[in-house]
C-alpha atoms as a PDB file:
ATOM      1  CA  UNK A   1      35.667  82.776 126.165  1.00  0.00           C
ATOM      2  CA  UNK A   2      35.457  83.409 122.525  1.00  0.00           C
ATOM      3  CA  UNK A   3      36.611  80.650 120.029  1.00  0.00           C
ATOM      4  CA  UNK A   4      37.657  81.354 116.418  1.00  0.00           C
ATOM      5  CA  UNK A   5      35.842  80.034 113.310  1.00  0.00           C
ATOM      6  CA  UNK A   6      38.299  77.059 112.905  1.00  0.00           C
ATOM      7  CA  UNK A   7      37.523  75.858 116.530  1.00  0.00           C
ATOM      8  CA  UNK A   8      33.888  76.163 115.857  1.00  0.00           C
ATOM      9  CA  UNK A   9      34.061  74.145 112.749  1.00  0.00           C
ATOM     10  CA  UNK A  10      35.937  71.370 114.624  1.00  0.00           C
ATOM     11  CA  UNK A  11      33.183  71.162 117.102  1.00  0.00           C
ATOM     12  CA  UNK A  12      30.214  71.407 114.652  1.00  0.00           C
ATOM     13  CA  UNK A  13      31.548  69.152 112.184  1.00  0.00           C
ATOM     14  CA  UNK A  14      30.827  65.808 114.113  1.00  0.00           C
ATOM     15  CA  UNK A  15      27.222  67.124 114.631  1.00  0.00           C
ATOM     16  CA  UNK A  16      26.819  67.377 110.843  1.00  0.00           C
ATOM     17  CA  UNK A  17      28.400  63.959 110.417  1.00  0.00           C
ATOM     18  CA  UNK A  18      25.962  62.398 112.763  1.00  0.00           C
ATOM     19  CA  UNK A  19      23.162  64.124 110.883  1.00  0.00           C
ATOM     20  CA  UNK A  20      24.276  62.651 107.603  1.00  0.00           C
ATOM     21  CA  UNK A  21      24.288  59.117 109.257  1.00  0.00           C
ATOM     22  CA  UNK A  22      20.741  59.621 110.655  1.00  0.00           C
ATOM     23  CA  UNK A  23      19.688  60.754 107.087  1.00  0.00           C
ATOM     24  CA  UNK A  24      21.067  57.521 105.509  1.00  0.00           C
ATOM     25  CA  UNK A  25      19.337  55.475 108.312  1.00  0.00           C
ATOM     26  CA  UNK A  26      16.055  57.160 107.415  1.00  0.00           C
ATOM     27  CA  UNK A  27      16.370  56.474 103.798  1.00  0.00           C
ATOM     28  CA  UNK A  28      17.231  52.832 104.401  1.00  0.00           C
ATOM     29  CA  UNK A  29      14.081  52.381 106.960  1.00  0.00           C
ATOM     30  CA  UNK A  30      11.698  54.182 104.660  1.00  0.00           C
ATOM     31  CA  UNK A  31      12.764  51.728 101.864  1.00  0.00           C
ATOM     32  CA  UNK A  32      12.320  48.750 103.960  1.00  0.00           C
ATOM     33  CA  UNK A  33       8.864  49.770 104.948  1.00  0.00           C
ATOM     34  CA  UNK A  34       8.012  50.389 101.254  1.00  0.00           C
ATOM     35  CA  UNK A  35       9.011  46.926 100.579  1.00  0.00           C
ATOM     36  CA  UNK A  36       7.020  45.400 103.359  1.00  0.00           C
ATOM     37  CA  UNK A  37       4.110  43.270 101.772  1.00  0.00           C
ATOM     38  CA  UNK A  38       1.966  43.074 104.987  1.00  0.00           C
ATOM     39  CA  UNK A  39       1.797  44.249 108.542  1.00  0.00           C
ATOM     40  CA  UNK A  40       2.016  41.211 110.832  1.00  0.00           C
ATOM     41  CA  UNK A  41       0.254  41.148 114.242  1.00  0.00           C
ATOM     42  CA  UNK A  42       2.979  40.846 116.912  1.00  0.00           C
ATOM     43  CA  UNK A  43       2.349  39.712 120.398  1.00  0.00           C
ATOM     44  CA  UNK A  44       4.037  40.137 123.849  1.00  0.00           C
ATOM     45  CA  UNK A  45       3.031  37.604 126.656  1.00  0.00           C
ATOM     46  CA  UNK A  46       3.815  37.991 130.000  1.00  0.00           C
ATOM     47  CA  UNK A  47       3.695  34.861 132.336  1.00  0.00           C
ATOM     48  CA  UNK A  48       2.685  34.783 136.001  1.00  0.00           C
ATOM     49  CA  UNK A  49       6.308  33.929 136.892  1.00  0.00           C
ATOM     50  CA  UNK A  50       7.668  37.070 135.197  1.00  0.00           C
ATOM     51  CA  UNK A  51       8.858  35.551 131.867  1.00  0.00           C
ATOM     52  CA  UNK A  52       8.220  37.362 128.864  1.00  0.00           C
ATOM     53  CA  UNK A  53       7.856  36.024 125.263  1.00  0.00           C
ATOM     54  CA  UNK A  54       7.574  38.193 121.923  1.00  0.00           C
ATOM     55  CA  UNK A  55       6.713  36.828 118.613  1.00  0.00           C
ATOM     56  CA  UNK A  56       3.916  36.064 116.178  1.00  0.00           C
ATOM     57  CA  UNK A  57       0.943  33.734 117.156  1.00  0.00           C
ATOM     58  CA  UNK A  58       0.955  30.649 115.180  1.00  0.00           C
ATOM     59  CA  UNK A  59      -2.037  28.736 116.532  1.00  0.00           C
ATOM     60  CA  UNK A  60      -4.167  29.330 119.737  1.00  0.00           C
ATOM     61  CA  UNK A  61      -7.031  27.235 121.402  1.00  0.00           C
ATOM     62  CA  UNK A  62      -8.677  27.263 124.653  1.00  0.00           C
ATOM     63  CA  UNK A  63      -5.603  25.854 126.454  1.00  0.00           C
ATOM     64  CA  UNK A  64      -2.400  26.752 124.616  1.00  0.00           C
ATOM     65  CA  UNK A  65      -1.032  29.660 122.589  1.00  0.00           C
ATOM     66  CA  UNK A  66       1.772  28.659 120.122  1.00  0.00           C
ATOM     67  CA  UNK A  67       4.237  31.573 119.613  1.00  0.00           C
ATOM     68  CA  UNK A  68       6.904  31.980 116.710  1.00  0.00           C
ATOM     69  CA  UNK A  69       9.749  33.938 118.579  1.00  0.00           C
ATOM     70  CA  UNK A  70      13.362  34.606 117.410  1.00  0.00           C
ATOM     71  CA  UNK A  71      14.529  31.417 119.157  1.00  0.00           C
ATOM     72  CA  UNK A  72      11.967  29.130 117.560  1.00  0.00           C
ATOM     73  CA  UNK A  73       8.315  28.008 118.581  1.00  0.00           C
ATOM     74  CA  UNK A  74       7.124  28.299 122.084  1.00  0.00           C
ATOM     75  CA  UNK A  75       3.961  26.456 123.435  1.00  0.00           C
ATOM     76  CA  UNK A  76       2.468  28.390 126.404  1.00  0.00           C
ATOM     77  CA  UNK A  77      -0.247  27.134 128.804  1.00  0.00           C
ATOM     78  CA  UNK A  78      -2.994  29.962 128.950  1.00  0.00           C
ATOM     79  CA  UNK A  79      -3.638  29.321 132.668  1.00  0.00           C
ATOM     80  CA  UNK A  80      -0.036  30.417 133.458  1.00  0.00           C
ATOM     81  CA  UNK A  81      -0.336  33.630 131.329  1.00  0.00           C
ATOM     82  CA  UNK A  82      -0.656  36.924 133.242  1.00  0.00           C
ATOM     83  CA  UNK A  83      -1.006  39.426 130.246  1.00  0.00           C
ATOM     84  CA  UNK A  84      -1.181  39.289 126.365  1.00  0.00           C
ATOM     85  CA  UNK A  85      -0.478  42.366 124.422  1.00  0.00           C
ATOM     86  CA  UNK A  86      -1.173  42.260 120.621  1.00  0.00           C
ATOM     87  CA  UNK A  87      -0.209  45.055 118.135  1.00  0.00           C
ATOM     88  CA  UNK A  88       0.480  45.584 114.550  1.00  0.00           C
ATOM     89  CA  UNK A  89       3.775  46.956 113.310  1.00  0.00           C
ATOM     90  CA  UNK A  90       6.031  46.626 110.430  1.00  0.00           C
ATOM     91  CA  UNK A  91       9.812  46.618 110.883  1.00  0.00           C
ATOM     92  CA  UNK A  92      12.253  44.454 113.125  1.00  0.00           C
ATOM     93  CA  UNK A  93      11.307  46.211 116.568  1.00  0.00           C
ATOM     94  CA  UNK A  94       8.379  45.187 118.642  1.00  0.00           C
ATOM     95  CA  UNK A  95       7.276  48.595 119.389  1.00  0.00           C
ATOM     96  CA  UNK A  96       7.645  52.124 117.937  1.00  0.00           C
ATOM     97  CA  UNK A  97       9.639  54.863 119.458  1.00  0.00           C
ATOM     98  CA  UNK A  98       7.011  56.077 121.852  1.00  0.00           C
ATOM     99  CA  UNK A  99       7.910  59.786 121.557  1.00  0.00           C
ATOM    100  CA  UNK A 100       8.319  60.298 117.752  1.00  0.00           C
ATOM    101  CA  UNK A 101       6.786  63.781 117.824  1.00  0.00           C
ATOM    102  CA  UNK A 102       9.870  65.307 119.390  1.00  0.00           C
ATOM    103  CA  UNK A 103      13.578  64.848 119.693  1.00  0.00           C
ATOM    104  CA  UNK A 104      15.331  65.981 122.899  1.00  0.00           C
ATOM    105  CA  UNK A 105      13.168  69.117 122.874  1.00  0.00           C
ATOM    106  CA  UNK A 106      12.560  70.225 119.362  1.00  0.00           C
ATOM    107  CA  UNK A 107       9.527  69.048 117.576  1.00  0.00           C
ATOM    108  CA  UNK A 108       9.386  66.771 114.487  1.00  0.00           C
ATOM    109  CA  UNK A 109       6.426  67.400 112.088  1.00  0.00           C
ATOM    110  CA  UNK A 110       4.687  64.176 113.064  1.00  0.00           C
ATOM    111  CA  UNK A 111       1.505  64.823 114.997  1.00  0.00           C
ATOM    112  CA  UNK A 112       0.220  63.167 118.165  1.00  0.00           C
ATOM    113  CA  UNK A 113      -2.847  60.877 117.692  1.00  0.00           C
ATOM    114  CA  UNK A 114      -6.270  62.065 118.889  1.00  0.00           C
ATOM    115  CA  UNK A 115      -6.380  61.316 122.690  1.00  0.00           C
ATOM    116  CA  UNK A 116      -2.749  60.492 123.024  1.00  0.00           C
ATOM    117  CA  UNK A 117      -0.572  62.525 125.432  1.00  0.00           C
ATOM    118  CA  UNK A 118       2.560  62.626 127.367  1.00  0.00           C
ATOM    119  CA  UNK A 119       4.379  64.260 130.357  1.00  0.00           C
ATOM    120  CA  UNK A 120       7.867  65.406 129.796  1.00  0.00           C
ATOM    121  CA  UNK A 121      10.546  66.665 132.370  1.00  0.00           C
ATOM    122  CA  UNK A 122      13.645  68.436 131.289  1.00  0.00           C
ATOM    123  CA  UNK A 123      16.869  68.872 133.319  1.00  0.00           C
ATOM    124  CA  UNK A 124      14.730  67.924 136.411  1.00  0.00           C
ATOM    125  CA  UNK A 125      13.072  71.442 136.619  1.00  0.00           C
ATOM    126  CA  UNK A 126      10.989  72.016 133.547  1.00  0.00           C
ATOM    127  CA  UNK A 127       7.660  70.240 132.925  1.00  0.00           C
ATOM    128  CA  UNK A 128       5.419  69.860 129.799  1.00  0.00           C
ATOM    129  CA  UNK A 129       2.197  68.228 129.196  1.00  0.00           C
ATOM    130  CA  UNK A 130       1.026  67.629 125.530  1.00  0.00           C
ATOM    131  CA  UNK A 131      -2.305  66.145 124.325  1.00  0.00           C
ATOM    132  CA  UNK A 132      -3.678  65.220 120.931  1.00  0.00           C
ATOM    133  CA  UNK A 133      -6.917  67.125 120.219  1.00  0.00           C
ATOM    134  CA  UNK A 134      -7.371  65.723 116.953  1.00  0.00           C
ATOM    135  CA  UNK A 135      -5.129  63.470 114.664  1.00  0.00           C
ATOM    136  CA  UNK A 136      -3.364  66.618 113.398  1.00  0.00           C
ATOM    137  CA  UNK A 137      -3.638  69.163 116.287  1.00  0.00           C
ATOM    138  CA  UNK A 138      -2.103  68.971 119.825  1.00  0.00           C
ATOM    139  CA  UNK A 139      -2.071  71.348 122.648  1.00  0.00           C
ATOM    140  CA  UNK A 140       0.631  71.502 125.441  1.00  0.00           C
ATOM    141  CA  UNK A 141       1.978  73.634 128.240  1.00  0.00           C
ATOM    142  CA  UNK A 142       3.897  73.603 131.440  1.00  0.00           C
ATOM    143  CA  UNK A 143       5.865  75.300 134.025  1.00  0.00           C
ATOM    144  CA  UNK A 144       9.353  75.589 135.589  1.00  0.00           C
ATOM    145  CA  UNK A 145       9.890  74.471 139.247  1.00  0.00           C
ATOM    146  CA  UNK A 146      12.537  76.883 140.580  1.00  0.00           C
ATOM    147  CA  UNK A 147      10.654  80.081 139.291  1.00  0.00           C
ATOM    148  CA  UNK A 148       7.404  78.534 140.679  1.00  0.00           C
ATOM    149  CA  UNK A 149       8.991  78.240 144.286  1.00  0.00           C
ATOM    150  CA  UNK A 150      10.315  81.735 143.976  1.00  0.00           C
ATOM    151  CA  UNK A 151       6.774  83.079 143.502  1.00  0.00           C
ATOM    152  CA  UNK A 152       7.179  84.081 139.762  1.00  0.00           C
ATOM    153  CA  UNK A 153       6.659  80.940 137.675  1.00  0.00           C
ATOM    154  CA  UNK A 154       7.691  80.730 134.209  1.00  0.00           C
ATOM    155  CA  UNK A 155       4.937  79.091 132.082  1.00  0.00           C
ATOM    156  CA  UNK A 156       4.839  77.654 128.584  1.00  0.00           C
ATOM    157  CA  UNK A 157       2.129  77.105 125.936  1.00  0.00           C
ATOM    158  CA  UNK A 158       3.006  74.854 122.972  1.00  0.00           C
ATOM    159  CA  UNK A 159       0.343  74.345 120.141  1.00  0.00           C
ATOM    160  CA  UNK A 160       1.315  72.114 117.285  1.00  0.00           C
ATOM    161  CA  UNK A 161      -0.386  71.086 113.925  1.00  0.00           C
ATOM    162  CA  UNK A 162       1.137  68.230 111.841  1.00  0.00           C
ATOM    163  CA  UNK A 163       0.075  66.344 108.743  1.00  0.00           C
ATOM    164  CA  UNK A 164       1.180  63.430 106.732  1.00  0.00           C
ATOM    165  CA  UNK A 165       1.796  64.965 103.140  1.00  0.00           C
ATOM    166  CA  UNK A 166       3.261  61.810 101.479  1.00  0.00           C
ATOM    167  CA  UNK A 167       4.826  58.423 102.106  1.00  0.00           C
ATOM    168  CA  UNK A 168       7.043  59.065 105.121  1.00  0.00           C
ATOM    169  CA  UNK A 169       6.839  62.736 104.806  1.00  0.00           C
ATOM    170  CA  UNK A 170       5.347  65.186 107.305  1.00  0.00           C
ATOM    171  CA  UNK A 171       4.815  68.927 107.373  1.00  0.00           C
ATOM    172  CA  UNK A 172       3.736  70.880 110.364  1.00  0.00           C
ATOM    173  CA  UNK A 173       4.078  73.998 112.418  1.00  0.00           C
ATOM    174  CA  UNK A 174       3.322  75.566 115.920  1.00  0.00           C
ATOM    175  CA  UNK A 175       4.340  78.044 118.603  1.00  0.00           C
ATOM    176  CA  UNK A 176       6.556  77.910 121.664  1.00  0.00           C
ATOM    177  CA  UNK A 177       5.229  80.606 124.024  1.00  0.00           C
ATOM    178  CA  UNK A 178       6.923  81.372 127.294  1.00  0.00           C
ATOM    179  CA  UNK A 179       6.087  83.985 129.958  1.00  0.00           C
ATOM    180  CA  UNK A 180       6.534  84.960 133.451  1.00  0.00           C
ATOM    181  CA  UNK A 181       4.049  86.203 135.878  1.00  0.00           C
ATOM    182  CA  UNK A 182       3.579  90.072 135.524  1.00  0.00           C
ATOM    183  CA  UNK A 183       6.493  90.088 133.142  1.00  0.00           C
ATOM    184  CA  UNK A 184       4.919  89.543 129.724  1.00  0.00           C
ATOM    185  CA  UNK A 185       5.737  86.855 127.287  1.00  0.00           C
ATOM    186  CA  UNK A 186       7.738  85.900 124.273  1.00  0.00           C
ATOM    187  CA  UNK A 187       7.117  83.486 121.419  1.00  0.00           C
ATOM    188  CA  UNK A 188       8.872  81.322 118.727  1.00  0.00           C
ATOM    189  CA  UNK A 189       6.608  80.551 115.602  1.00  0.00           C
ATOM    190  CA  UNK A 190       7.994  77.671 113.590  1.00  0.00           C
ATOM    191  CA  UNK A 191       7.434  75.538 110.582  1.00  0.00           C
ATOM    192  CA  UNK A 192       8.936  72.098 110.128  1.00  0.00           C
ATOM    193  CA  UNK A 193       9.185  69.313 107.707  1.00  0.00           C
ATOM    194  CA  UNK A 194      10.095  65.595 108.691  1.00  0.00           C
ATOM    195  CA  UNK A 195      11.084  62.720 106.438  1.00  0.00           C
ATOM    196  CA  UNK A 196      11.111  59.063 107.989  1.00  0.00           C
ATOM    197  CA  UNK A 197       9.336  56.856 110.268  1.00  0.00           C
ATOM    198  CA  UNK A 198       8.594  56.811 114.032  1.00  0.00           C
ATOM    199  CA  UNK A 199      11.817  55.038 114.475  1.00  0.00           C
ATOM    200  CA  UNK A 200      14.188  56.854 112.078  1.00  0.00           C
ATOM    201  CA  UNK A 201      13.508  60.497 110.923  1.00  0.00           C
ATOM    202  CA  UNK A 202      15.237  63.736 110.194  1.00  0.00           C
ATOM    203  CA  UNK A 203      13.510  67.072 110.615  1.00  0.00           C
ATOM    204  CA  UNK A 204      14.296  70.593 109.339  1.00  0.00           C
ATOM    205  CA  UNK A 205      12.689  73.557 110.961  1.00  0.00           C
ATOM    206  CA  UNK A 206      12.662  77.281 110.721  1.00  0.00           C
ATOM    207  CA  UNK A 207      11.530  79.666 113.270  1.00  0.00           C
ATOM    208  CA  UNK A 208      11.050  83.310 113.990  1.00  0.00           C
ATOM    209  CA  UNK A 209      11.123  85.038 117.448  1.00  0.00           C
ATOM    210  CA  UNK A 210       7.965  87.328 118.360  1.00  0.00           C
ATOM    211  CA  UNK A 211       8.406  89.837 121.107  1.00  0.00           C
ATOM    212  CA  UNK A 212       6.525  92.985 121.614  1.00  0.00           C
ATOM    213  CA  UNK A 213       4.539  92.340 118.513  1.00  0.00           C
ATOM    214  CA  UNK A 214       7.612  92.277 116.279  1.00  0.00           C
ATOM    215  CA  UNK A 215       9.089  89.275 114.587  1.00  0.00           C
ATOM    216  CA  UNK A 216      12.770  88.776 114.366  1.00  0.00           C
ATOM    217  CA  UNK A 217      14.307  89.498 110.741  1.00  0.00           C
ATOM    218  CA  UNK A 218      16.543  86.514 110.510  1.00  0.00           C
ATOM    219  CA  UNK A 219      15.067  82.810 111.449  1.00  0.00           C
ATOM    220  CA  UNK A 220      16.433  80.325 113.684  1.00  0.00           C
ATOM    221  CA  UNK A 221      17.097  77.040 111.998  1.00  0.00           C
ATOM    222  CA  UNK A 222      16.930  73.621 113.403  1.00  0.00           C
ATOM    223  CA  UNK A 223      18.051  70.279 112.073  1.00  0.00           C
ATOM    224  CA  UNK A 224      17.337  67.138 114.099  1.00  0.00           C
ATOM    225  CA  UNK A 225      17.281  63.383 113.752  1.00  0.00           C
ATOM    226  CA  UNK A 226      16.781  60.132 115.364  1.00  0.00           C
ATOM    227  CA  UNK A 227      18.088  56.552 114.455  1.00  0.00           C
ATOM    228  CA  UNK A 228      16.775  53.465 116.180  1.00  0.00           C
ATOM    229  CA  UNK A 229      19.866  51.260 117.003  1.00  0.00           C
ATOM    230  CA  UNK A 230      18.063  48.411 119.008  1.00  0.00           C
ATOM    231  CA  UNK A 231      14.718  47.564 120.655  1.00  0.00           C
ATOM    232  CA  UNK A 232      15.330  49.941 123.609  1.00  0.00           C
ATOM    233  CA  UNK A 233      17.890  52.494 122.307  1.00  0.00           C
ATOM    234  CA  UNK A 234      18.094  55.313 119.802  1.00  0.00           C
ATOM    235  CA  UNK A 235      20.662  57.907 118.814  1.00  0.00           C
ATOM    236  CA  UNK A 236      19.567  61.530 118.691  1.00  0.00           C
ATOM    237  CA  UNK A 237      21.083  64.805 117.497  1.00  0.00           C
ATOM    238  CA  UNK A 238      19.362  68.262 117.733  1.00  0.00           C
ATOM    239  CA  UNK A 239      21.055  71.204 116.138  1.00  0.00           C
ATOM    240  CA  UNK A 240      20.248  74.930 115.988  1.00  0.00           C
ATOM    241  CA  UNK A 241      21.621  78.004 114.308  1.00  0.00           C
ATOM    242  CA  UNK A 242      20.441  80.988 116.360  1.00  0.00           C
ATOM    243  CA  UNK A 243      20.889  84.750 115.185  1.00  0.00           C
ATOM    244  CA  UNK A 244      21.598  87.309 117.744  1.00  0.00           C
ATOM    245  CA  UNK A 245      23.346  90.634 117.805  1.00  0.00           C
ATOM    246  CA  UNK A 246      24.275  90.395 114.164  1.00  0.00           C
ATOM    247  CA  UNK A 247      25.910  86.861 114.507  1.00  0.00           C
ATOM    248  CA  UNK A 248      24.760  83.510 114.183  1.00  0.00           C
ATOM    249  CA  UNK A 249      25.348  80.968 117.070  1.00  0.00           C
ATOM    250  CA  UNK A 250      25.286  77.197 117.094  1.00  0.00           C
ATOM    251  CA  UNK A 251      23.826  75.040 119.786  1.00  0.00           C
ATOM    252  CA  UNK A 252      23.569  71.305 119.800  1.00  0.00           C
ATOM    253  CA  UNK A 253      22.245  68.409 121.770  1.00  0.00           C
ATOM    254  CA  UNK A 254      23.425  64.859 121.107  1.00  0.00           C
ATOM    255  CA  UNK A 255      23.045  61.599 122.958  1.00  0.00           C
ATOM    256  CA  UNK A 256      20.923  58.493 123.217  1.00  0.00           C
ATOM    257  CA  UNK A 257      17.247  57.696 124.142  1.00  0.00           C
ATOM    258  CA  UNK A 258      16.559  54.565 126.349  1.00  0.00           C
ATOM    259  CA  UNK A 259      12.965  53.322 125.696  1.00  0.00           C
ATOM    260  CA  UNK A 260      10.155  51.169 126.868  1.00  0.00           C
ATOM    261  CA  UNK A 261       6.729  50.959 125.077  1.00  0.00           C
ATOM    262  CA  UNK A 262       5.614  54.033 126.763  1.00  0.00           C
ATOM    263  CA  UNK A 263       8.440  55.870 128.240  1.00  0.00           C
ATOM    264  CA  UNK A 264      11.695  57.530 127.206  1.00  0.00           C
ATOM    265  CA  UNK A 265      14.897  58.385 129.209  1.00  0.00           C
ATOM    266  CA  UNK A 266      17.214  60.810 127.218  1.00  0.00           C
ATOM    267  CA  UNK A 267      20.796  61.319 127.975  1.00  0.00           C
ATOM    268  CA  UNK A 268      23.048  63.647 126.163  1.00  0.00           C
ATOM    269  CA  UNK A 269      25.355  66.694 126.240  1.00  0.00           C
ATOM    270  CA  UNK A 270      24.563  70.380 125.231  1.00  0.00           C
ATOM    271  CA  UNK A 271      27.409  71.545 122.920  1.00  0.00           C
ATOM    272  CA  UNK A 272      28.072  75.233 122.841  1.00  0.00           C
ATOM    273  CA  UNK A 273      31.365  76.103 120.874  1.00  0.00           C
ATOM    274  CA  UNK A 274      32.159  78.917 123.377  1.00  0.00           C
ATOM    275  CA  UNK A 275      32.425  76.354 126.144  1.00  0.00           C
ATOM    276  CA  UNK A 276      35.176  73.965 126.534  1.00  0.00           C
ATOM    277  CA  UNK A 277      32.993  70.844 127.410  1.00  0.00           C
ATOM    278  CA  UNK A 278      29.368  69.769 126.882  1.00  0.00           C
ATOM    279  CA  UNK A 279      26.777  70.538 129.433  1.00  0.00           C
ATOM    280  CA  UNK A 280      25.053  67.356 130.609  1.00  0.00           C
ATOM    281  CA  UNK A 281      21.368  66.958 129.441  1.00  0.00           C
ATOM    282  CA  UNK A 282      18.741  64.740 130.974  1.00  0.00           C
ATOM    283  CA  UNK A 283      15.170  64.255 130.004  1.00  0.00           C
ATOM    284  CA  UNK A 284      12.275  61.862 130.926  1.00  0.00           C
ATOM    285  CA  UNK A 285       8.795  61.434 129.090  1.00  0.00           C
ATOM    286  CA  UNK A 286       5.988  58.949 129.499  1.00  0.00           C
ATOM    287  CA  UNK A 287       2.837  58.633 127.602  1.00  0.00           C
ATOM    288  CA  UNK A 288      -0.623  58.806 129.369  1.00  0.00           C
END
């Protein structure tokens, strides 16, 4: 089914509106971080009965920990404490977005830290592993389940480099290589810039396809963003303009991220103007 330019515009416009909202959120977040005078050490305490407390330690001795929480001071008996996690972070949330190096699928320019890594599953069938080799370089790869069972596995290789070039500004690039056993491979070579923080960012990327030794003449463009709305949720938007057969096609993924300190569960819809309704999108990732 082919849609005219007016119908396409009606579908793409909400995506652009969401990107503007995300950009304003990033600007606000960056300004708040710039105004922060100090990084306070925050603490999460888990009691043996399962209760959890989060806040800033006011005092501590051999028997008690006094914690300043949002609801006031809490005096906790150390003998009843199961686990204490301390960490430093600016901002109002007790942990960063654990998967700040990517959106639903597309990358930001922020690099993985040395020794950090994560496993990601997309649409229940596609699997990726990424590991930080240095503070600026990561290597990754993966495979697709269904093709593996059919005897001709589709494999992926995803190297990436990223650098902080200014306050809340990053530049990076990499490659997304995909291939099938005995069938050759294709690649997307890309560069990206990111503005914002781990919780709130917006990224612009440009990529060229590479097949049989030749680059595409017209680049694909990515515009993506994430905005933290609460301790455990974020809004995400990922948008692509893809050239093919002399035309440019739009594809977008929009939805939410549900987070813990290490994991992220992504729910959204894949928007293609030629289709009458979005395609459900699911993804899961966890740090290791």
